[in-house]
Amino acid sequence: MTTAIPRLLAQAFLNGKLQRAGMIKRGAELLGQKWKWLGPLATRFLKEFGGAKPRLGDAVRFLRHDEGLCVARAGLRIAKWTPSNGVAAMRWKLPEMESPAALAEWLGLTDAEVAWFADRKNINKGKSSHYTYCVFEKPGKPARLIEAPKTRMKELLRRLLTDVFEKIPVHAAAHGFVARHSIKTFAAPHAGQPCLLKMDLANFFPSISRARVESLLITAGYDERVAELLAGICTNRAPRDVAPDPIYTRPHLPQGAPTSPAIANLCMFRADRRLRGLAESAGAVYTRYADDLAFSGASVGDRSALRIVRRTHLRIVRRTQAAEPVKHESPRLRHSRAGRPVQCSSMRTDSHQIAIRIIRVFGCCGCAVWVFHDDRQPPQRIMG
């Protein structure tokens, strides 16, 4: 057990806030008593990493080479070891995978197959790639790369979606790719508002990196080694000869994988919290449908609502960009007087709106959206 002490002690230090007293307490619980050298060790640990929580591997390497711990660990024994799976994983009832071997067993694969699907070093290229690629071009907009997973990869991703990512709750402002939510629930809070601000996130899926997905899984309670493999399975790095933009050549969420929408919503949780808080502080309403952000002003007069929404946008640019890796296109402002309808993403909002029906036509047409004002009037087609 003496060879495992640096790793277990690193897990104990990182299993909470990086504060000296808490680290000493967790270390004492692990080792059965409060050793005198635990305090100086915690001080050296905090000085080494500057108070920021490091990766588990970096923490283990530091402890293995710490002279004080090397002298003391010869007579140490483990009294109580707490697994790395956090409270969040137990609360959400996620599958327990405490090691890469347990992950391979849960997926029904060998260790080599898990490493092959994770492809952390970008070894799989050409014929051995797990994805097929198609460049989708739309007039006036940057080209988009559609990455469709092949059969075996798609089966793995669907299982991860059902058993892992769909069990983690998303923010209430997220309406895209969420059960019991739709484009109707996305636009309904903005019905009847005099002013609507629309923003599109730039490169929504490819801007979410493998590191962000790994951090999400660690937050959910998984061991760092397991999170690294799962993040590798859920992300992809496109070959340079097919990528329309260099951002696709870095590990990112592939648009076309079944897990990407759910992971994107989860990675946007903190940004959604900030955006909703900023909107509420300005008297506005905020909802998000995938990469479409919508803010609407309160019904307090046209000029006042215009100022509210514009002020919300300025706060988003100045504050959110500094804290979250979220980029957006130029905002589009829709100003409606006398209760006239305005278009919100692929639908309109109207104070007299009764029901909305969405007819999806798979193929080149995309989707068609119809708005029904009441049962006596014919429907009006607004998109598609």
Protein backbone atom coordinates (compact mmCIF):
# COMPACT_ATOMS: atom_id res chain seq x y z
CA MET A 1 0.00 0.00 0.00
CA THR A 2 2.97 2.38 0.42
CA THR A 3 3.28 2.69 -3.38
CA ALA A 4 -0.38 3.69 -3.63
CA ILE A 5 -0.22 6.32 -0.87
CA PRO A 6 0.74 9.26 -3.18
CA ARG A 7 -2.23 8.60 -5.46
CA LEU A 8 -4.71 8.08 -2.62
CA LEU A 9 -3.40 11.12 -0.74
CA ALA A 10 -3.67 13.20 -3.93
CA GLN A 11 -7.28 12.06 -4.33
CA ALA A 12 -7.98 13.02 -0.71
CA PHE A 13 -6.45 16.48 -1.19
CA LEU A 14 -8.44 17.08 -4.40
CA ASN A 15 -11.73 15.68 -3.06
CA GLY A 16 -12.82 19.08 -1.79
CA LYS A 17 -11.76 22.72 -1.65
CA LEU A 18 -8.04 23.38 -1.74
CA GLN A 19 -7.82 24.83 1.76
CA ARG A 20 -5.09 23.85 4.19
CA ALA A 21 -7.39 22.84 7.05
CA GLY A 22 -9.64 20.73 4.83
CA MET A 23 -6.68 19.02 3.16
CA ILE A 24 -5.18 18.12 6.55
CA LYS A 25 -8.52 16.74 7.75
CA ARG A 26 -9.04 14.57 4.64
CA GLY A 27 -5.44 13.36 4.81
CA ALA A 28 -5.84 12.44 8.49
CA GLU A 29 -9.04 10.46 7.72
CA LEU A 30 -7.17 8.58 5.00
CA LEU A 31 -4.16 7.72 7.18
CA GLY A 32 -5.99 7.17 10.48
CA GLN A 33 -4.36 9.99 12.46
CA LYS A 34 -3.28 13.60 12.12
CA TRP A 35 0.44 13.33 11.42
CA LYS A 36 2.58 16.38 12.18
CA TRP A 37 4.00 16.49 8.65
CA LEU A 38 0.53 16.76 7.02
CA GLY A 39 0.37 20.52 7.63
CA PRO A 40 3.73 21.34 5.99
CA LEU A 41 2.89 18.95 3.15
CA ALA A 42 -0.42 20.73 2.49
CA THR A 43 1.43 24.08 2.56
CA ARG A 44 3.97 22.86 -0.03
CA PHE A 45 1.14 21.45 -2.15
CA LEU A 46 -0.72 24.78 -2.19
CA LYS A 47 2.49 26.70 -2.94
CA GLU A 48 3.32 24.37 -5.83
CA PHE A 49 -0.05 24.76 -7.58
CA GLY A 50 -0.89 28.29 -6.48
CA GLY A 51 -4.22 27.38 -4.91
CA ALA A 52 -5.68 26.17 -8.24
CA LYS A 53 -6.91 22.59 -8.36
CA PRO A 54 -4.42 20.60 -10.51
CA ARG A 55 -4.96 17.45 -12.52
CA LEU A 56 -4.73 14.25 -10.53
CA GLY A 57 -1.66 13.08 -12.45
CA ASP A 58 0.23 16.30 -11.68
CA ALA A 59 -0.70 16.06 -8.00
CA VAL A 60 0.48 12.43 -7.81
CA ARG A 61 3.83 13.27 -9.46
CA PHE A 62 4.39 16.10 -6.98
CA LEU A 63 3.67 13.89 -3.96
CA ARG A 64 5.85 11.06 -5.26
CA HIS A 65 8.84 13.41 -5.42
CA ASP A 66 8.15 15.26 -2.16
CA GLU A 67 11.03 14.52 0.17
CA GLY A 68 8.98 14.81 3.35
CA LEU A 69 6.37 12.32 2.19
CA CYS A 70 9.06 9.94 0.84
CA VAL A 71 10.57 9.74 4.33
CA ALA A 72 7.24 9.40 6.17
CA ARG A 73 5.36 6.98 3.92
CA ALA A 74 7.51 3.94 4.82
CA GLY A 75 5.47 3.34 7.97
CA LEU A 76 2.09 4.57 6.76
CA ARG A 77 -1.08 2.51 6.39
CA ILE A 78 -4.43 3.32 4.82
CA ALA A 79 -7.16 3.53 7.48
CA LYS A 80 -10.14 4.74 5.43
CA TRP A 81 -10.21 5.23 1.69
CA THR A 82 -13.05 7.09 -0.02
CA PRO A 83 -13.56 6.22 -3.73
CA SER A 84 -13.09 9.04 -6.22
CA ASN A 85 -16.73 8.92 -7.35
CA GLY A 86 -18.29 12.06 -5.93
CA VAL A 87 -21.63 12.78 -4.36
CA ALA A 88 -23.02 14.06 -7.66
CA ALA A 89 -22.54 10.71 -9.37
CA MET A 90 -24.33 8.90 -6.56
CA ARG A 91 -27.16 11.43 -6.53
CA TRP A 92 -27.69 11.15 -10.27
CA LYS A 93 -27.32 7.34 -10.18
CA LEU A 94 -24.63 7.23 -12.84
CA PRO A 95 -22.78 4.00 -13.63
CA GLU A 96 -19.87 3.44 -11.26
CA MET A 97 -16.57 3.15 -13.12
CA GLU A 98 -13.66 3.61 -10.73
CA SER A 99 -10.89 2.63 -13.17
CA PRO A 100 -10.22 2.21 -16.90
CA ALA A 101 -10.61 -1.55 -16.43
CA ALA A 102 -14.07 -1.04 -14.94
CA LEU A 103 -14.96 1.24 -17.87
CA ALA A 104 -13.89 -1.42 -20.37
CA GLU A 105 -15.93 -4.04 -18.54
CA TRP A 106 -19.01 -1.79 -18.48
CA LEU A 107 -18.71 -1.12 -22.22
CA GLY A 108 -18.04 -4.79 -22.99
CA LEU A 109 -14.68 -3.98 -24.60
CA THR A 110 -11.04 -4.78 -23.99
CA ASP A 111 -8.62 -2.16 -22.67
CA ALA A 112 -7.04 -1.88 -26.13
CA GLU A 113 -10.44 -1.31 -27.78
CA VAL A 114 -11.31 1.45 -25.30
CA ALA A 115 -7.99 3.17 -26.04
CA TRP A 116 -8.66 2.77 -29.79
CA PHE A 117 -12.10 4.40 -29.57
CA ALA A 118 -10.83 7.14 -27.24
CA ASP A 119 -7.96 7.95 -29.65
CA ARG A 120 -6.39 10.45 -27.29
CA LYS A 121 -3.20 10.75 -29.39
CA ASN A 122 -4.97 11.05 -32.76
CA ILE A 123 -3.56 7.76 -34.03
CA ASN A 124 -6.73 6.80 -35.93
CA LYS A 125 -6.56 8.45 -39.32
CA GLY A 126 -7.70 7.65 -42.82
CA LYS A 127 -9.41 4.28 -43.12
CA SER A 128 -9.36 3.63 -39.37
CA SER A 129 -11.26 6.82 -38.53
CA HIS A 130 -14.46 6.37 -36.53
CA TYR A 131 -16.34 9.07 -38.48
CA THR A 132 -17.45 9.92 -41.99
CA TYR A 133 -17.38 13.55 -43.05
CA CYS A 134 -19.61 15.86 -45.08
CA VAL A 135 -19.18 19.61 -45.56
CA PHE A 136 -22.47 21.51 -45.40
CA GLU A 137 -22.41 24.94 -47.02
CA LYS A 138 -25.09 27.60 -46.60
CA PRO A 139 -25.08 30.91 -48.51
CA GLY A 140 -23.77 33.77 -46.40
CA LYS A 141 -22.55 31.53 -43.57
CA PRO A 142 -19.29 29.65 -42.86
CA ALA A 143 -19.09 26.05 -44.03
CA ARG A 144 -20.08 23.46 -41.42
CA LEU A 145 -18.54 20.00 -41.05
CA ILE A 146 -20.97 17.17 -40.31
CA GLU A 147 -19.21 14.26 -38.59
CA ALA A 148 -21.31 11.11 -38.59
CA PRO A 149 -20.02 8.27 -36.36
CA LYS A 150 -19.70 4.81 -37.84
CA THR A 151 -21.74 1.86 -36.59
CA ARG A 152 -19.67 0.67 -33.61
CA MET A 153 -18.87 4.18 -32.44
CA LYS A 154 -22.53 5.18 -32.73
CA GLU A 155 -23.56 2.23 -30.55
CA LEU A 156 -21.09 3.27 -27.84
CA LEU A 157 -22.21 6.90 -27.98
CA ARG A 158 -25.89 5.98 -27.75
CA ARG A 159 -25.23 3.91 -24.65
CA LEU A 160 -23.27 6.74 -23.04
CA LEU A 161 -26.08 9.15 -23.91
CA THR A 162 -28.77 6.95 -22.33
CA ASP A 163 -26.91 5.75 -19.23
CA VAL A 164 -24.71 8.78 -18.42
CA PHE A 165 -25.38 12.14 -20.02
CA GLU A 166 -29.19 12.08 -20.07
CA LYS A 167 -29.19 11.44 -16.30
CA ILE A 168 -27.34 14.68 -15.53
CA PRO A 169 -29.74 17.64 -15.27
CA VAL A 170 -29.35 20.66 -17.56
CA HIS A 171 -30.17 24.29 -16.83
CA ALA A 172 -33.82 25.32 -16.99
CA ALA A 173 -33.03 27.88 -19.71
CA ALA A 174 -31.93 25.12 -22.12
CA HIS A 175 -34.73 23.95 -24.43
CA GLY A 176 -32.93 22.27 -27.32
CA PHE A 177 -32.46 18.47 -27.25
CA VAL A 178 -34.10 18.25 -23.82
CA ALA A 179 -36.97 15.89 -22.97
CA ARG A 180 -40.39 17.60 -22.72
CA HIS A 181 -38.93 20.77 -24.22
CA SER A 182 -39.24 22.05 -27.77
CA ILE A 183 -38.99 25.14 -29.90
CA LYS A 184 -42.40 26.09 -28.51
CA THR A 185 -41.16 26.16 -24.91
CA PHE A 186 -38.09 28.07 -26.12
CA ALA A 187 -40.15 30.88 -27.66
CA ALA A 188 -43.16 30.93 -25.30
CA PRO A 189 -41.50 33.14 -22.59
CA HIS A 190 -40.92 35.83 -25.24
CA ALA A 191 -44.51 35.99 -26.50
CA GLY A 192 -45.96 39.49 -26.26
CA GLN A 193 -42.66 41.15 -25.34
CA PRO A 194 -42.06 44.45 -27.14
CA CYS A 195 -38.39 43.81 -27.87
CA LEU A 196 -36.44 40.65 -28.74
CA LEU A 197 -32.67 40.21 -28.98
CA LYS A 198 -31.34 37.16 -30.85
CA MET A 199 -27.77 35.88 -30.72
CA ASP A 200 -26.18 32.87 -32.40
CA LEU A 201 -23.21 31.14 -30.77
CA ALA A 202 -20.31 30.80 -33.19
CA ASN A 203 -19.08 27.23 -33.80
CA PHE A 204 -21.27 25.84 -31.05
CA PHE A 205 -20.19 22.18 -31.19
CA PRO A 206 -16.55 22.47 -32.38
CA SER A 207 -15.81 25.21 -29.82
CA ILE A 208 -16.41 22.73 -26.96
CA SER A 209 -13.05 21.05 -26.45
CA ARG A 210 -12.13 17.65 -25.11
CA ALA A 211 -10.77 19.27 -21.95
CA ARG A 212 -14.19 20.79 -21.18
CA VAL A 213 -15.89 17.42 -21.61
CA GLU A 214 -13.30 15.82 -19.35
CA SER A 215 -13.87 18.50 -16.70
CA LEU A 216 -17.62 17.86 -16.91
CA LEU A 217 -17.13 14.14 -16.24
CA ILE A 218 -14.75 14.81 -13.35
CA THR A 219 -17.36 17.16 -11.87
CA ALA A 220 -19.90 14.35 -12.22
CA GLY A 221 -17.69 12.25 -9.95
CA TYR A 222 -15.61 10.09 -12.29
CA ASP A 223 -11.94 9.32 -11.80
CA GLU A 224 -9.65 11.44 -13.95
CA ARG A 225 -8.40 8.43 -15.94
CA VAL A 226 -11.98 7.31 -16.69
CA ALA A 227 -13.04 10.88 -17.55
CA GLU A 228 -10.13 11.18 -19.96
CA LEU A 229 -11.14 8.02 -21.83
CA LEU A 230 -14.84 8.95 -21.92
CA ALA A 231 -14.01 12.43 -23.20
CA GLY A 232 -11.85 10.87 -25.90
CA ILE A 233 -14.73 8.64 -27.02
CA CYS A 234 -17.18 11.56 -27.17
CA THR A 235 -14.89 13.95 -29.07
CA ASN A 236 -13.16 13.84 -32.42
CA ARG A 237 -10.33 15.47 -34.35
CA ALA A 238 -11.06 15.80 -38.07
CA PRO A 239 -8.31 15.34 -40.68
CA ARG A 240 -6.93 18.53 -42.16
CA ASP A 241 -7.91 17.61 -45.71
CA VAL A 242 -11.65 17.56 -44.87
CA ALA A 243 -11.85 20.31 -42.21
CA PRO A 244 -13.27 23.60 -43.57
CA ASP A 245 -11.84 25.44 -40.55
CA PRO A 246 -8.78 24.76 -38.32
CA ILE A 247 -11.08 24.52 -35.27
CA TYR A 248 -12.22 21.08 -36.50
CA THR A 249 -8.66 19.73 -36.40
CA ARG A 250 -8.58 20.10 -32.60
CA PRO A 251 -10.42 17.65 -30.29
CA HIS A 252 -14.04 18.85 -30.19
CA LEU A 253 -17.65 17.72 -30.01
CA PRO A 254 -18.57 16.35 -33.46
CA GLN A 255 -21.81 17.65 -34.94
CA GLY A 256 -23.57 14.45 -35.91
CA ALA A 257 -22.73 12.34 -32.84
CA PRO A 258 -25.76 11.41 -30.67
CA THR A 259 -24.02 12.55 -27.47
CA SER A 260 -22.94 16.00 -28.68
CA PRO A 261 -26.20 17.94 -28.05
CA ALA A 262 -26.57 16.62 -24.49
CA ILE A 263 -22.90 17.27 -23.65
CA ALA A 264 -23.09 20.76 -25.14
CA ASN A 265 -26.09 21.60 -22.93
CA LEU A 266 -24.23 20.34 -19.86
CA CYS A 267 -21.07 22.28 -20.72
CA MET A 268 -23.20 25.41 -21.10
CA PHE A 269 -24.68 25.05 -17.58
CA ARG A 270 -22.51 27.71 -15.96
CA ALA A 271 -22.90 30.05 -18.93
CA ASP A 272 -26.68 29.61 -18.79
CA ARG A 273 -26.65 30.52 -15.10
CA ARG A 274 -24.66 33.67 -15.76
CA LEU A 275 -26.75 34.70 -18.76
CA ARG A 276 -30.03 34.18 -16.94
CA GLY A 277 -28.73 36.13 -13.93
CA LEU A 278 -27.57 38.98 -16.14
CA ALA A 279 -30.88 39.03 -17.99
CA GLU A 280 -32.92 39.03 -14.78
CA SER A 281 -30.82 41.85 -13.34
CA ALA A 282 -31.75 43.91 -16.41
CA GLY A 283 -35.43 42.96 -16.28
CA ALA A 284 -35.20 40.67 -19.32
CA VAL A 285 -36.02 37.01 -20.03
CA TYR A 286 -33.44 34.50 -21.34
CA THR A 287 -33.84 31.12 -23.08
CA ARG A 288 -31.52 29.04 -25.26
CA TYR A 289 -32.20 26.51 -28.00
CA ALA A 290 -28.87 24.86 -28.89
CA ASP A 291 -26.78 27.76 -30.27
CA ASP A 292 -29.67 30.27 -30.43
CA LEU A 293 -29.89 32.71 -27.53
CA ALA A 294 -33.02 34.81 -27.06
CA PHE A 295 -33.51 37.78 -24.72
CA SER A 296 -36.72 39.78 -24.53
CA GLY A 297 -37.45 43.01 -22.70
CA ALA A 298 -40.17 43.57 -20.11
CA SER A 299 -43.48 45.14 -21.16
CA VAL A 300 -42.67 48.60 -19.83
CA GLY A 301 -42.64 50.60 -23.07
CA ASP A 302 -40.72 50.37 -26.31
CA ARG A 303 -37.76 52.60 -25.48
CA SER A 304 -37.31 51.16 -22.01
CA ALA A 305 -37.40 47.57 -23.35
CA LEU A 306 -34.87 48.53 -26.02
CA ARG A 307 -32.48 49.83 -23.37
CA ILE A 308 -33.00 46.73 -21.21
CA VAL A 309 -32.12 44.30 -23.98
CA ARG A 310 -29.17 46.31 -25.24
CA ARG A 311 -27.78 46.63 -21.72
CA THR A 312 -28.13 42.86 -21.27
CA HIS A 313 -26.14 42.33 -24.46
CA LEU A 314 -23.36 44.66 -23.27
CA ARG A 315 -23.10 42.75 -19.98
CA ILE A 316 -22.91 39.46 -21.87
CA VAL A 317 -20.05 40.73 -24.01
CA ARG A 318 -18.08 42.29 -21.17
CA ARG A 319 -18.54 39.72 -18.39
CA THR A 320 -19.45 36.36 -19.86
CA GLN A 321 -16.71 36.35 -22.46
CA ALA A 322 -14.11 36.75 -19.71
CA ALA A 323 -15.45 33.77 -17.71
CA GLU A 324 -16.81 31.37 -20.35
CA PRO A 325 -15.31 30.26 -23.70
CA VAL A 326 -18.49 31.31 -25.55
CA LYS A 327 -18.29 33.19 -28.83
CA HIS A 328 -21.30 34.64 -30.58
CA GLU A 329 -22.20 36.16 -33.90
CA SER A 330 -23.44 39.74 -34.25
CA PRO A 331 -26.73 40.15 -32.35
CA ARG A 332 -29.99 40.76 -34.19
CA LEU A 333 -32.58 42.99 -32.57
CA ARG A 334 -36.26 42.61 -33.37
CA HIS A 335 -38.45 45.49 -32.24
CA SER A 336 -42.23 44.92 -32.21
CA ARG A 337 -44.88 47.56 -31.63
CA ALA A 338 -48.59 47.12 -30.89
CA GLY A 339 -48.25 43.40 -30.19
CA ARG A 340 -47.05 42.50 -33.71
CA PRO A 341 -45.29 39.12 -33.93
CA VAL A 342 -41.51 38.83 -34.15
CA GLN A 343 -39.49 35.82 -35.29
CA CYS A 344 -37.59 33.93 -32.60
CA SER A 345 -35.09 31.46 -34.11
CA SER A 346 -37.24 29.35 -36.47
CA MET A 347 -40.59 30.55 -35.16
CA ARG A 348 -42.48 33.72 -34.32
CA THR A 349 -43.74 34.93 -30.97
CA ASP A 350 -47.10 36.66 -30.76
CA SER A 351 -49.18 37.78 -27.81
CA HIS A 352 -52.25 36.23 -29.50
CA GLN A 353 -50.56 32.98 -30.37
CA ILE A 354 -52.57 29.86 -29.42
CA ALA A 355 -50.56 26.86 -30.58
CA ILE A 356 -47.48 25.98 -32.60
CA ARG A 357 -46.97 22.93 -34.75
CA ILE A 358 -43.60 21.81 -36.09
CA ILE A 359 -43.43 19.65 -39.20
CA ARG A 360 -39.95 18.24 -39.78
CA VAL A 361 -39.09 17.22 -43.34
CA PHE A 362 -35.84 15.30 -43.39
CA GLY A 363 -33.70 16.03 -46.39
CA CYS A 364 -32.74 19.23 -48.13
CA CYS A 365 -35.80 21.12 -46.85
CA GLY A 366 -34.72 21.01 -43.21
CA CYS A 367 -37.86 21.75 -41.21
CA ALA A 368 -41.04 23.69 -41.72
CA VAL A 369 -42.72 25.60 -38.91
CA TRP A 370 -46.37 26.61 -38.93
CA VAL A 371 -48.10 28.93 -36.48
CA PHE A 372 -51.79 28.49 -35.63
CA HIS A 373 -53.37 31.66 -34.18
CA ASP A 374 -56.65 29.85 -33.46
CA ASP A 375 -58.71 27.00 -34.85
CA ARG A 376 -60.85 29.25 -37.08
CA GLN A 377 -57.96 30.79 -39.04
CA PRO A 378 -55.79 28.95 -41.55
CA PRO A 379 -52.23 28.21 -40.40
CA GLN A 380 -49.41 30.50 -41.50
CA ARG A 381 -46.15 28.97 -42.66
CA ILE A 382 -43.22 30.96 -41.34
CA MET A 383 -40.21 28.82 -42.26
CA GLY A 384 -39.16 25.96 -44.51
